[in-house]
Amino acid sequence: MTETLKLMAPMLLFFGLMYFFTIRPQQQQQKARNDMLANLSVGSKIRTIGGIYGTIEKLNDNEITVRVADNVSIRMARFSVESVIKE
């Protein structure tokens, strides 16, 4: 029994380190992104995944309308927002 535990200890240590260095940070990033998308509001300045900067005009469950220039608005999927620009 003790020898089996000694043989498995490095493998368990490896999986533990893998969890803390890869899986856990990825889960935290996904949670932060979901929070950001849930907290979007009209008037927020954003940058999309495609690099378009604009201001949110309308919000629906899965779509947003973004003003990118005077009299120019585009409709896009909500998940296409990369980040909210803080001034």
PDB file of N, CA and C in Angstrom:
ATOM      1  N   MET A   1       0.824  -1.195   0.000  1.00  0.00           N
ATOM      2  CA  MET A   1       0.000   0.000   0.000  1.00  0.00           C
ATOM      3  C   MET A   1       0.869   1.261   0.000  1.00  0.00           C
ATOM      4  N   THR A   2       1.908   1.267   0.784  1.00  0.00           N
ATOM      5  CA  THR A   2       2.786   2.428   0.875  1.00  0.00           C
ATOM      6  C   THR A   2       3.535   2.657  -0.424  1.00  0.00           C
ATOM      7  N   GLU A   3       3.955   1.589  -1.077  1.00  0.00           N
ATOM      8  CA  GLU A   3       4.676   1.735  -2.344  1.00  0.00           C
ATOM      9  C   GLU A   3       3.761   2.290  -3.425  1.00  0.00           C
ATOM     10  N   THR A   4       2.522   1.880  -3.423  1.00  0.00           N
ATOM     11  CA  THR A   4       1.559   2.399  -4.401  1.00  0.00           C
ATOM     12  C   THR A   4       1.374   3.895  -4.203  1.00  0.00           C
ATOM     13  N   LEU A   5       1.279   4.314  -2.962  1.00  0.00           N
ATOM     14  CA  LEU A   5       1.123   5.737  -2.661  1.00  0.00           C
ATOM     15  C   LEU A   5       2.362   6.520  -3.085  1.00  0.00           C
ATOM     16  N   LYS A   6       3.531   5.936  -2.878  1.00  0.00           N
ATOM     17  CA  LYS A   6       4.776   6.599  -3.287  1.00  0.00           C
ATOM     18  C   LYS A   6       4.847   6.744  -4.797  1.00  0.00           C
ATOM     19  N   LEU A   7       4.350   5.745  -5.524  1.00  0.00           N
ATOM     20  CA  LEU A   7       4.365   5.805  -6.982  1.00  0.00           C
ATOM     21  C   LEU A   7       3.328   6.806  -7.523  1.00  0.00           C
ATOM     22  N   MET A   8       2.229   6.944  -6.817  1.00  0.00           N
ATOM     23  CA  MET A   8       1.162   7.837  -7.293  1.00  0.00           C
ATOM     24  C   MET A   8       1.360   9.291  -6.861  1.00  0.00           C
ATOM     25  N   ALA A   9       2.189   9.521  -5.854  1.00  0.00           N
ATOM     26  CA  ALA A   9       2.378  10.870  -5.320  1.00  0.00           C
ATOM     27  C   ALA A   9       2.849  11.864  -6.386  1.00  0.00           C
ATOM     28  N   PRO A  10       3.842  11.553  -7.213  1.00  0.00           N
ATOM     29  CA  PRO A  10       4.248  12.524  -8.236  1.00  0.00           C
ATOM     30  C   PRO A  10       3.137  12.825  -9.246  1.00  0.00           C
ATOM     31  N   MET A  11       2.359  11.795  -9.577  1.00  0.00           N
ATOM     32  CA  MET A  11       1.269  11.998 -10.526  1.00  0.00           C
ATOM     33  C   MET A  11       0.176  12.882  -9.910  1.00  0.00           C
ATOM     34  N   LEU A  12      -0.148  12.655  -8.662  1.00  0.00           N
ATOM     35  CA  LEU A  12      -1.138  13.487  -7.975  1.00  0.00           C
ATOM     36  C   LEU A  12      -0.644  14.924  -7.841  1.00  0.00           C
ATOM     37  N   LEU A  13       0.620  15.078  -7.536  1.00  0.00           N
ATOM     38  CA  LEU A  13       1.209  16.403  -7.443  1.00  0.00           C
ATOM     39  C   LEU A  13       1.151  17.118  -8.788  1.00  0.00           C
ATOM     40  N   PHE A  14       1.459  16.395  -9.859  1.00  0.00           N
ATOM     41  CA  PHE A  14       1.398  16.958 -11.204  1.00  0.00           C
ATOM     42  C   PHE A  14      -0.009  17.443 -11.537  1.00  0.00           C
ATOM     43  N   PHE A  15      -1.030  16.620 -11.270  1.00  0.00           N
ATOM     44  CA  PHE A  15      -2.404  17.016 -11.560  1.00  0.00           C
ATOM     45  C   PHE A  15      -2.853  18.179 -10.682  1.00  0.00           C
ATOM     46  N   GLY A  16      -2.399  18.210  -9.446  1.00  0.00           N
ATOM     47  CA  GLY A  16      -2.723  19.333  -8.570  1.00  0.00           C
ATOM     48  C   GLY A  16      -2.123  20.636  -9.084  1.00  0.00           C
ATOM     49  N   LEU A  17      -0.862  20.593  -9.490  1.00  0.00           N
ATOM     50  CA  LEU A  17      -0.226  21.790 -10.049  1.00  0.00           C
ATOM     51  C   LEU A  17      -0.884  22.207 -11.354  1.00  0.00           C
ATOM     52  N   MET A  18      -1.242  21.239 -12.169  1.00  0.00           N
ATOM     53  CA  MET A  18      -1.906  21.542 -13.435  1.00  0.00           C
ATOM     54  C   MET A  18      -3.232  22.258 -13.185  1.00  0.00           C
ATOM     55  N   TYR A  19      -3.971  21.820 -12.184  1.00  0.00           N
ATOM     56  CA  TYR A  19      -5.241  22.466 -11.853  1.00  0.00           C
ATOM     57  C   TYR A  19      -5.014  23.920 -11.446  1.00  0.00           C
ATOM     58  N   PHE A  20      -4.052  24.166 -10.564  1.00  0.00           N
ATOM     59  CA  PHE A  20      -3.838  25.516 -10.054  1.00  0.00           C
ATOM     60  C   PHE A  20      -3.193  26.458 -11.064  1.00  0.00           C
ATOM     61  N   PHE A  21      -2.465  25.926 -12.051  1.00  0.00           N
ATOM     62  CA  PHE A  21      -1.796  26.790 -13.021  1.00  0.00           C
ATOM     63  C   PHE A  21      -2.525  26.927 -14.353  1.00  0.00           C
ATOM     64  N   THR A  22      -3.457  26.032 -14.661  1.00  0.00           N
ATOM     65  CA  THR A  22      -4.153  26.147 -15.947  1.00  0.00           C
ATOM     66  C   THR A  22      -5.663  26.207 -15.805  1.00  0.00           C
ATOM     67  N   ILE A  23      -6.261  25.250 -15.164  1.00  0.00           N
ATOM     68  CA  ILE A  23      -7.720  25.157 -15.119  1.00  0.00           C
ATOM     69  C   ILE A  23      -8.333  26.255 -14.256  1.00  0.00           C
ATOM     70  N   ARG A  24      -7.832  26.469 -13.079  1.00  0.00           N
ATOM     71  CA  ARG A  24      -8.407  27.462 -12.170  1.00  0.00           C
ATOM     72  C   ARG A  24      -8.324  28.887 -12.720  1.00  0.00           C
ATOM     73  N   PRO A  25      -7.177  29.344 -13.242  1.00  0.00           N
ATOM     74  CA  PRO A  25      -7.136  30.696 -13.821  1.00  0.00           C
ATOM     75  C   PRO A  25      -8.095  30.859 -15.006  1.00  0.00           C
ATOM     76  N   GLN A  26      -8.237  29.811 -15.807  1.00  0.00           N
ATOM     77  CA  GLN A  26      -9.154  29.886 -16.940  1.00  0.00           C
ATOM     78  C   GLN A  26     -10.595  30.022 -16.453  1.00  0.00           C
ATOM     79  N   GLN A  27     -10.961  29.321 -15.397  1.00  0.00           N
ATOM     80  CA  GLN A  27     -12.298  29.439 -14.839  1.00  0.00           C
ATOM     81  C   GLN A  27     -12.532  30.842 -14.280  1.00  0.00           C
ATOM     82  N   GLN A  28     -11.524  31.434 -13.651  1.00  0.00           N
ATOM     83  CA  GLN A  28     -11.656  32.784 -13.117  1.00  0.00           C
ATOM     84  C   GLN A  28     -11.810  33.803 -14.232  1.00  0.00           C
ATOM     85  N   GLN A  29     -11.072  33.646 -15.331  1.00  0.00           N
ATOM     86  CA  GLN A  29     -11.203  34.550 -16.472  1.00  0.00           C
ATOM     87  C   GLN A  29     -12.590  34.440 -17.091  1.00  0.00           C
ATOM     88  N   GLN A  30     -13.112  33.236 -17.205  1.00  0.00           N
ATOM     89  CA  GLN A  30     -14.438  33.045 -17.774  1.00  0.00           C
ATOM     90  C   GLN A  30     -15.501  33.673 -16.886  1.00  0.00           C
ATOM     91  N   LYS A  31     -15.351  33.550 -15.576  1.00  0.00           N
ATOM     92  CA  LYS A  31     -16.304  34.157 -14.647  1.00  0.00           C
ATOM     93  C   LYS A  31     -16.260  35.672 -14.753  1.00  0.00           C
ATOM     94  N   ALA A  32     -15.065  36.250 -14.851  1.00  0.00           N
ATOM     95  CA  ALA A  32     -14.931  37.703 -14.982  1.00  0.00           C
ATOM     96  C   ALA A  32     -15.557  38.179 -16.292  1.00  0.00           C
ATOM     97  N   ARG A  33     -15.375  37.436 -17.374  1.00  0.00           N
ATOM     98  CA  ARG A  33     -15.977  37.807 -18.664  1.00  0.00           C
ATOM     99  C   ARG A  33     -17.496  37.739 -18.597  1.00  0.00           C
ATOM    100  N   ASN A  34     -18.031  36.677 -17.994  1.00  0.00           N
ATOM    101  CA  ASN A  34     -19.480  36.558 -17.853  1.00  0.00           C
ATOM    102  C   ASN A  34     -20.050  37.692 -17.013  1.00  0.00           C
ATOM    103  N   ASP A  35     -19.354  38.079 -15.950  1.00  0.00           N
ATOM    104  CA  ASP A  35     -19.794  39.211 -15.123  1.00  0.00           C
ATOM    105  C   ASP A  35     -19.787  40.502 -15.922  1.00  0.00           C
ATOM    106  N   MET A  36     -18.737  40.716 -16.728  1.00  0.00           N
ATOM    107  CA  MET A  36     -18.640  41.917 -17.550  1.00  0.00           C
ATOM    108  C   MET A  36     -19.796  41.978 -18.546  1.00  0.00           C
ATOM    109  N   LEU A  37     -20.094  40.860 -19.197  1.00  0.00           N
ATOM    110  CA  LEU A  37     -21.184  40.834 -20.171  1.00  0.00           C
ATOM    111  C   LEU A  37     -22.537  41.038 -19.503  1.00  0.00           C
ATOM    112  N   ALA A  38     -22.710  40.516 -18.303  1.00  0.00           N
ATOM    113  CA  ALA A  38     -23.973  40.670 -17.584  1.00  0.00           C
ATOM    114  C   ALA A  38     -24.177  42.100 -17.102  1.00  0.00           C
ATOM    115  N   ASN A  39     -23.094  42.838 -16.874  1.00  0.00           N
ATOM    116  CA  ASN A  39     -23.189  44.187 -16.330  1.00  0.00           C
ATOM    117  C   ASN A  39     -23.086  45.291 -17.384  1.00  0.00           C
ATOM    118  N   LEU A  40     -23.214  44.941 -18.662  1.00  0.00           N
ATOM    119  CA  LEU A  40     -23.212  45.971 -19.706  1.00  0.00           C
ATOM    120  C   LEU A  40     -24.435  46.859 -19.532  1.00  0.00           C
ATOM    121  N   SER A  41     -24.278  48.128 -19.847  1.00  0.00           N
ATOM    122  CA  SER A  41     -25.409  49.050 -19.734  1.00  0.00           C
ATOM    123  C   SER A  41     -25.368  50.054 -20.886  1.00  0.00           C
ATOM    124  N   VAL A  42     -26.520  50.657 -21.139  1.00  0.00           N
ATOM    125  CA  VAL A  42     -26.618  51.672 -22.184  1.00  0.00           C
ATOM    126  C   VAL A  42     -25.687  52.827 -21.818  1.00  0.00           C
ATOM    127  N   GLY A  43     -24.917  53.280 -22.792  1.00  0.00           N
ATOM    128  CA  GLY A  43     -23.970  54.365 -22.567  1.00  0.00           C
ATOM    129  C   GLY A  43     -22.553  53.897 -22.283  1.00  0.00           C
ATOM    130  N   SER A  44     -22.365  52.596 -22.065  1.00  0.00           N
ATOM    131  CA  SER A  44     -21.017  52.074 -21.815  1.00  0.00           C
ATOM    132  C   SER A  44     -20.191  52.144 -23.090  1.00  0.00           C
ATOM    133  N   LYS A  45     -18.943  52.548 -22.955  1.00  0.00           N
ATOM    134  CA  LYS A  45     -18.014  52.551 -24.082  1.00  0.00           C
ATOM    135  C   LYS A  45     -17.327  51.196 -24.104  1.00  0.00           C
ATOM    136  N   ILE A  46     -17.314  50.567 -25.290  1.00  0.00           N
ATOM    137  CA  ILE A  46     -16.812  49.202 -25.400  1.00  0.00           C
ATOM    138  C   ILE A  46     -15.842  49.052 -26.559  1.00  0.00           C
ATOM    139  N   ARG A  47     -15.124  47.926 -26.547  1.00  0.00           N
ATOM    140  CA  ARG A  47     -14.301  47.490 -27.674  1.00  0.00           C
ATOM    141  C   ARG A  47     -14.740  46.065 -27.993  1.00  0.00           C
ATOM    142  N   THR A  48     -14.980  45.796 -29.268  1.00  0.00           N
ATOM    143  CA  THR A  48     -15.426  44.463 -29.659  1.00  0.00           C
ATOM    144  C   THR A  48     -14.231  43.563 -29.944  1.00  0.00           C
ATOM    145  N   ILE A  49     -14.510  42.295 -30.127  1.00  0.00           N
ATOM    146  CA  ILE A  49     -13.469  41.325 -30.455  1.00  0.00           C
ATOM    147  C   ILE A  49     -12.797  41.697 -31.768  1.00  0.00           C
ATOM    148  N   GLY A  50     -13.566  42.312 -32.690  1.00  0.00           N
ATOM    149  CA  GLY A  50     -13.022  42.716 -33.978  1.00  0.00           C
ATOM    150  C   GLY A  50     -12.271  44.030 -33.939  1.00  0.00           C
ATOM    151  N   GLY A  51     -12.207  44.691 -32.783  1.00  0.00           N
ATOM    152  CA  GLY A  51     -11.449  45.929 -32.654  1.00  0.00           C
ATOM    153  C   GLY A  51     -12.255  47.187 -32.912  1.00  0.00           C
ATOM    154  N   ILE A  52     -13.576  47.074 -32.932  1.00  0.00           N
ATOM    155  CA  ILE A  52     -14.432  48.238 -33.153  1.00  0.00           C
ATOM    156  C   ILE A  52     -14.729  48.887 -31.808  1.00  0.00           C
ATOM    157  N   TYR A  53     -14.530  50.202 -31.740  1.00  0.00           N
ATOM    158  CA  TYR A  53     -14.842  50.958 -30.539  1.00  0.00           C
ATOM    159  C   TYR A  53     -16.182  51.639 -30.730  1.00  0.00           C
ATOM    160  N   GLY A  54     -16.991  51.683 -29.683  1.00  0.00           N
ATOM    161  CA  GLY A  54     -18.275  52.344 -29.790  1.00  0.00           C
ATOM    162  C   GLY A  54     -18.948  52.485 -28.441  1.00  0.00           C
ATOM    163  N   THR A  55     -20.185  53.001 -28.487  1.00  0.00           N
ATOM    164  CA  THR A  55     -20.987  53.217 -27.287  1.00  0.00           C
ATOM    165  C   THR A  55     -22.287  52.443 -27.433  1.00  0.00           C
ATOM    166  N   ILE A  56     -22.678  51.738 -26.393  1.00  0.00           N
ATOM    167  CA  ILE A  56     -23.896  50.932 -26.441  1.00  0.00           C
ATOM    168  C   ILE A  56     -25.115  51.857 -26.457  1.00  0.00           C
ATOM    169  N   GLU A  57     -26.014  51.640 -27.435  1.00  0.00           N
ATOM    170  CA  GLU A  57     -27.268  52.385 -27.528  1.00  0.00           C
ATOM    171  C   GLU A  57     -28.454  51.582 -27.017  1.00  0.00           C
ATOM    172  N   LYS A  58     -28.488  50.282 -27.352  1.00  0.00           N
ATOM    173  CA  LYS A  58     -29.596  49.413 -26.946  1.00  0.00           C
ATOM    174  C   LYS A  58     -29.040  48.073 -26.500  1.00  0.00           C
ATOM    175  N   LEU A  59     -29.741  47.458 -25.549  1.00  0.00           N
ATOM    176  CA  LEU A  59     -29.370  46.134 -25.044  1.00  0.00           C
ATOM    177  C   LEU A  59     -30.567  45.204 -25.106  1.00  0.00           C
ATOM    178  N   ASN A  60     -30.356  44.008 -25.592  1.00  0.00           N
ATOM    179  CA  ASN A  60     -31.326  42.924 -25.493  1.00  0.00           C
ATOM    180  C   ASN A  60     -30.628  41.766 -24.801  1.00  0.00           C
ATOM    181  N   ASP A  61     -31.300  40.629 -24.718  1.00  0.00           N
ATOM    182  CA  ASP A  61     -30.687  39.468 -24.062  1.00  0.00           C
ATOM    183  C   ASP A  61     -29.418  39.023 -24.767  1.00  0.00           C
ATOM    184  N   ASN A  62     -29.478  38.910 -26.098  1.00  0.00           N
ATOM    185  CA  ASN A  62     -28.330  38.380 -26.831  1.00  0.00           C
ATOM    186  C   ASN A  62     -27.756  39.352 -27.841  1.00  0.00           C
ATOM    187  N   GLU A  63     -28.344  40.529 -27.996  1.00  0.00           N
ATOM    188  CA  GLU A  63     -27.881  41.491 -28.989  1.00  0.00           C
ATOM    189  C   GLU A  63     -27.684  42.863 -28.358  1.00  0.00           C
ATOM    190  N   ILE A  64     -26.787  43.631 -28.978  1.00  0.00           N
ATOM    191  CA  ILE A  64     -26.597  45.021 -28.589  1.00  0.00           C
ATOM    192  C   ILE A  64     -26.539  45.859 -29.859  1.00  0.00           C
ATOM    193  N   THR A  65     -26.885  47.113 -29.717  1.00  0.00           N
ATOM    194  CA  THR A  65     -26.714  48.074 -30.803  1.00  0.00           C
ATOM    195  C   THR A  65     -25.654  49.052 -30.353  1.00  0.00           C
ATOM    196  N   VAL A  66     -24.622  49.215 -31.189  1.00  0.00           N
ATOM    197  CA  VAL A  66     -23.469  50.031 -30.828  1.00  0.00           C
ATOM    198  C   VAL A  66     -23.355  51.195 -31.801  1.00  0.00           C
ATOM    199  N   ARG A  67     -23.229  52.399 -31.261  1.00  0.00           N
ATOM    200  CA  ARG A  67     -22.986  53.589 -32.087  1.00  0.00           C
ATOM    201  C   ARG A  67     -21.485  53.713 -32.263  1.00  0.00           C
ATOM    202  N   VAL A  68     -21.035  53.671 -33.520  1.00  0.00           N
ATOM    203  CA  VAL A  68     -19.606  53.726 -33.802  1.00  0.00           C
ATOM    204  C   VAL A  68     -19.191  55.077 -34.364  1.00  0.00           C
ATOM    205  N   ALA A  69     -20.149  55.855 -34.868  1.00  0.00           N
ATOM    206  CA  ALA A  69     -19.892  57.203 -35.388  1.00  0.00           C
ATOM    207  C   ALA A  69     -21.233  57.929 -35.406  1.00  0.00           C
ATOM    208  N   ASP A  70     -21.217  59.214 -35.737  1.00  0.00           N
ATOM    209  CA  ASP A  70     -22.478  59.958 -35.824  1.00  0.00           C
ATOM    210  C   ASP A  70     -23.376  59.308 -36.866  1.00  0.00           C
ATOM    211  N   ASN A  71     -24.600  59.003 -36.466  1.00  0.00           N
ATOM    212  CA  ASN A  71     -25.610  58.391 -37.339  1.00  0.00           C
ATOM    213  C   ASN A  71     -25.187  57.039 -37.905  1.00  0.00           C
ATOM    214  N   VAL A  72     -24.260  56.346 -37.273  1.00  0.00           N
ATOM    215  CA  VAL A  72     -23.849  55.009 -37.696  1.00  0.00           C
ATOM    216  C   VAL A  72     -23.926  54.078 -36.495  1.00  0.00           C
ATOM    217  N   SER A  73     -24.865  53.125 -36.555  1.00  0.00           N
ATOM    218  CA  SER A  73     -25.018  52.138 -35.489  1.00  0.00           C
ATOM    219  C   SER A  73     -24.970  50.754 -36.108  1.00  0.00           C
ATOM    220  N   ILE A  74     -24.417  49.818 -35.378  1.00  0.00           N
ATOM    221  CA  ILE A  74     -24.380  48.438 -35.841  1.00  0.00           C
ATOM    222  C   ILE A  74     -24.970  47.529 -34.767  1.00  0.00           C
ATOM    223  N   ARG A  75     -25.635  46.485 -35.230  1.00  0.00           N
ATOM    224  CA  ARG A  75     -26.219  45.502 -34.323  1.00  0.00           C
ATOM    225  C   ARG A  75     -25.291  44.291 -34.296  1.00  0.00           C
ATOM    226  N   MET A  76     -25.002  43.803 -33.124  1.00  0.00           N
ATOM    227  CA  MET A  76     -24.083  42.667 -33.003  1.00  0.00           C
ATOM    228  C   MET A  76     -24.464  41.801 -31.816  1.00  0.00           C
ATOM    229  N   ALA A  77     -23.859  40.633 -31.769  1.00  0.00           N
ATOM    230  CA  ALA A  77     -24.084  39.713 -30.658  1.00  0.00           C
ATOM    231  C   ALA A  77     -23.427  40.252 -29.397  1.00  0.00           C
ATOM    232  N   ARG A  78     -24.087  40.028 -28.283  1.00  0.00           N
ATOM    233  CA  ARG A  78     -23.580  40.528 -27.000  1.00  0.00           C
ATOM    234  C   ARG A  78     -22.212  39.934 -26.664  1.00  0.00           C
ATOM    235  N   PHE A  79     -21.989  38.669 -27.005  1.00  0.00           N
ATOM    236  CA  PHE A  79     -20.714  38.023 -26.665  1.00  0.00           C
ATOM    237  C   PHE A  79     -19.539  38.571 -27.462  1.00  0.00           C
ATOM    238  N   SER A  80     -19.804  39.431 -28.456  1.00  0.00           N
ATOM    239  CA  SER A  80     -18.704  39.990 -29.244  1.00  0.00           C
ATOM    240  C   SER A  80     -18.003  41.149 -28.538  1.00  0.00           C
ATOM    241  N   VAL A  81     -18.492  41.539 -27.368  1.00  0.00           N
ATOM    242  CA  VAL A  81     -17.835  42.599 -26.601  1.00  0.00           C
ATOM    243  C   VAL A  81     -16.602  42.012 -25.931  1.00  0.00           C
ATOM    244  N   GLU A  82     -15.451  42.626 -26.181  1.00  0.00           N
ATOM    245  CA  GLU A  82     -14.212  42.155 -25.569  1.00  0.00           C
ATOM    246  C   GLU A  82     -13.984  42.810 -24.213  1.00  0.00           C
ATOM    247  N   SER A  83     -14.208  44.144 -24.163  1.00  0.00           N
ATOM    248  CA  SER A  83     -13.964  44.829 -22.905  1.00  0.00           C
ATOM    249  C   SER A  83     -14.756  46.137 -22.851  1.00  0.00           C
ATOM    250  N   VAL A  84     -14.932  46.607 -21.626  1.00  0.00           N
ATOM    251  CA  VAL A  84     -15.553  47.902 -21.388  1.00  0.00           C
ATOM    252  C   VAL A  84     -14.410  48.894 -21.190  1.00  0.00           C
ATOM    253  N   ILE A  85     -14.473  50.020 -21.902  1.00  0.00           N
ATOM    254  CA  ILE A  85     -13.419  51.042 -21.827  1.00  0.00           C
ATOM    255  C   ILE A  85     -13.731  51.959 -20.648  1.00  0.00           C
ATOM    256  N   LYS A  86     -12.790  52.058 -19.736  1.00  0.00           N
ATOM    257  CA  LYS A  86     -12.954  52.955 -18.582  1.00  0.00           C
ATOM    258  C   LYS A  86     -12.224  54.245 -18.863  1.00  0.00           C
ATOM    259  N   GLU A  87     -12.865  55.330 -18.571  1.00  0.00           N
ATOM    260  CA  GLU A  87     -12.268  56.636 -18.840  1.00  0.00           C
ATOM    261  C   GLU A  87     -11.577  57.200 -17.634  1.00  0.00           C
TER     262      GLU A  87
END
